[in-house]
Protein backbone atom coordinates (compact mmCIF):
# COMPACT_ATOMS: atom_id res chain seq x y z
CA MET A 1 -66.41 -56.05 39.20
CA THR A 2 -64.92 -57.86 36.38
CA ILE A 3 -62.35 -60.74 36.81
CA VAL A 4 -59.64 -59.29 35.81
CA GLU A 5 -60.35 -56.18 38.55
CA MET A 6 -60.57 -58.63 41.21
CA ARG A 7 -57.37 -60.34 39.87
CA ASP A 8 -56.00 -56.77 40.09
CA ASN A 9 -57.11 -56.15 43.69
CA LEU A 10 -55.95 -59.62 44.94
CA ARG A 11 -52.37 -58.63 43.78
CA SER A 12 -52.74 -55.26 45.39
CA MET A 13 -53.98 -56.72 48.76
CA MET A 14 -52.17 -56.81 52.45
CA SER A 15 -51.14 -60.40 53.20
CA PRO A 16 -53.26 -62.59 55.61
CA VAL A 17 -50.76 -62.45 58.01
CA ASP A 18 -50.25 -58.38 57.80
CA ILE A 19 -54.08 -58.07 58.31
CA VAL A 20 -53.95 -60.15 61.47
CA ARG A 21 -50.68 -58.32 62.84
CA ASP A 22 -52.41 -54.97 62.36
CA ILE A 23 -55.28 -56.04 64.17
CA VAL A 24 -53.86 -57.41 66.63
CA MET A 25 -51.84 -54.43 67.13
CA ALA A 26 -54.82 -52.15 67.39
CA ASP A 27 -56.61 -54.20 70.01
CA GLY A 28 -53.37 -54.44 72.41
CA ASP A 29 -55.47 -52.61 74.74
CA MET A 30 -58.70 -54.95 74.69
CA ILE A 31 -55.65 -57.66 75.29
CA VAL A 32 -54.57 -56.53 78.26
CA GLU A 33 -58.24 -56.58 79.63
CA LEU A 34 -58.62 -60.05 78.16
CA GLN A 35 -55.40 -61.14 80.12
CA LYS A 36 -56.21 -59.07 83.31
CA ASP A 37 -59.62 -61.41 83.43
CA GLN A 38 -57.63 -64.90 82.80
CA PHE A 39 -55.44 -63.69 86.25
CA MET A 40 -58.17 -62.55 88.46
CA TYR A 41 -59.80 -66.42 87.41
CA GLY A 42 -56.38 -67.76 88.40
CA LYS A 43 -55.33 -69.07 85.17
CA ASP A 44 -52.96 -69.30 83.18
CA ALA A 45 -52.27 -69.65 79.15
CA THR A 46 -52.67 -73.40 79.20
CA ASP A 47 -56.00 -72.57 81.39
CA GLU A 48 -54.63 -74.20 84.27
CA ASN A 49 -54.90 -72.74 87.61
CA ILE A 50 -51.64 -70.58 88.52
CA LYS A 51 -49.30 -72.59 90.47
CA PRO A 52 -47.96 -73.18 93.17
CA GLN A 53 -51.18 -72.33 95.24
CA TYR A 54 -50.35 -69.58 98.24
CA LYS A 55 -48.02 -71.02 100.85
CA GLY A 56 -50.15 -71.35 103.86
CA TYR A 57 -53.03 -73.21 101.24
CA SER A 58 -53.41 -76.32 103.49
CA GLY A 59 -52.84 -77.43 107.18
CA GLU A 60 -53.18 -74.73 109.88
CA ASN A 61 -52.04 -71.91 108.50
CA THR A 62 -54.44 -70.44 106.18
CA HIS A 63 -54.86 -66.98 107.18
CA TYR A 64 -53.19 -65.63 103.67
CA ALA A 65 -55.19 -67.79 101.07
CA ALA A 66 -58.59 -66.64 102.66
CA MET A 67 -57.49 -63.16 102.68
CA LYS A 68 -56.64 -63.18 99.49
CA GLN A 69 -59.89 -65.37 98.84
CA ALA A 70 -61.92 -62.34 100.53
CA MET A 71 -59.80 -60.17 97.47
CA ASN A 72 -60.78 -61.88 95.05
CA ASP A 73 -63.53 -65.00 95.11
CA ARG A 74 -63.17 -66.09 91.07
CA PRO A 75 -60.16 -68.34 91.25
CA ASP A 76 -60.21 -71.83 93.42
CA PHE A 77 -59.55 -71.13 97.01
CA GLY A 78 -55.49 -71.22 97.07
CA THR A 79 -54.88 -70.18 93.40
CA PRO A 80 -53.06 -67.11 93.03
CA ASP A 81 -54.59 -64.41 90.98
CA LEU A 82 -51.35 -62.31 91.23
CA ARG A 83 -52.69 -59.74 92.28
CA LEU A 84 -52.24 -58.14 95.78
CA THR A 85 -50.99 -54.03 95.54
CA GLY A 86 -52.06 -53.83 91.66
CA ASP A 87 -48.47 -52.92 90.86
CA PHE A 88 -47.89 -55.94 88.65
CA TYR A 89 -51.75 -55.65 86.81
CA ASN A 90 -51.03 -52.03 86.67
CA GLY A 91 -47.73 -52.37 84.81
CA PHE A 92 -49.55 -54.59 81.92
CA TYR A 93 -48.79 -53.29 78.17
CA PHE A 94 -49.14 -54.83 74.89
CA ASP A 95 -45.69 -55.84 73.55
CA THR A 96 -46.04 -54.55 69.68
CA GLY A 97 -42.55 -56.71 68.73
CA THR A 98 -43.67 -59.89 70.20
CA LEU A 99 -47.46 -59.20 69.97
CA GLN A 100 -47.97 -60.47 73.77
CA VAL A 101 -48.98 -58.73 77.05
CA ALA A 102 -46.10 -58.09 79.38
CA SER A 103 -45.71 -55.87 82.50
CA SER A 104 -43.38 -52.98 83.28
CA ASP A 105 -43.94 -54.24 87.34
CA ALA A 106 -40.33 -54.52 88.83
CA LYS A 107 -41.71 -57.63 90.14
CA THR A 108 -42.27 -59.12 86.80
CA PRO A 109 -38.92 -61.29 86.41
CA SER A 110 -39.65 -62.77 89.84
CA LEU A 111 -43.49 -63.86 89.29
CA ILE A 112 -42.26 -65.51 86.22
CA GLU A 113 -39.47 -67.57 87.71
CA LYS A 114 -42.09 -68.36 90.92
CA TYR A 115 -44.96 -69.67 88.71
CA GLY A 116 -43.36 -70.55 85.19
CA LYS A 117 -43.34 -68.79 81.99
CA HIS A 118 -46.88 -69.78 80.79
CA ILE A 119 -48.23 -67.10 83.22
CA PHE A 120 -48.48 -64.79 80.48
CA GLY A 121 -50.52 -65.59 77.37
CA LEU A 122 -54.31 -66.15 76.59
CA SER A 123 -55.11 -69.42 77.27
CA GLU A 124 -57.42 -71.38 74.61
CA ALA A 125 -60.88 -69.95 76.29
CA THR A 126 -59.97 -66.45 76.57
CA ALA A 127 -58.36 -66.60 72.93
CA GLN A 128 -62.02 -67.99 71.83
CA ARG A 129 -63.22 -64.83 73.54
CA TYR A 130 -61.07 -62.69 71.25
CA ARG A 131 -61.76 -64.55 68.34
CA ARG A 132 -65.45 -63.37 68.24
CA ILE A 133 -64.54 -59.42 68.28
CA PHE A 134 -61.37 -60.47 65.64
CA ASN A 135 -62.83 -62.92 63.00
CA PRO A 136 -65.62 -59.72 62.13
CA LYS A 137 -62.49 -57.25 61.63
CA PHE A 138 -60.40 -59.56 59.43
CA TRP A 139 -63.08 -60.44 57.08
CA GLY A 140 -64.51 -56.90 56.93
CA VAL A 141 -60.97 -55.55 56.16
CA PHE A 142 -60.13 -58.93 53.88
CA ARG A 143 -63.51 -58.10 52.16
CA ALA A 144 -63.26 -54.25 51.72
CA GLN A 145 -59.44 -54.96 50.03
CA LEU A 146 -61.04 -57.48 47.61
CA ALA A 147 -64.03 -54.93 46.81
CA ARG A 148 -61.95 -51.88 46.14
CA LYS A 149 -61.40 -50.07 43.12
CA ASN A 150 -58.10 -49.52 42.10
């Protein structure tokens, strides 16, 4: 490939932002699964435990927290995983307008109000897992565009 051909390829390439958007949109289902996994460990987008802890976490009344721990022992005792019936998780979808996970479940607004706006979103640790998948895709598209013949 000549330098002139390479220059012409650069001019006709998708912008890196468009490449990122297209890959992320195509990976929406995977991102939803990563969000679910993060919730199963009781983590929010800041990688903190989801708060507040279950009522009855301390003191005499630990029944609910113990029941939840028996259902899912990944989060710390008393830390919500936001899953009981499964309806909230089953309502998860990838919003292509915002490029974020959301839930169509009717409880979603009240869960956001109770547990905060940071319940949705990938934490740095979860995002790092996704980047191991995303980066090769990005560079593959970028290199393919650079190497193509016009």
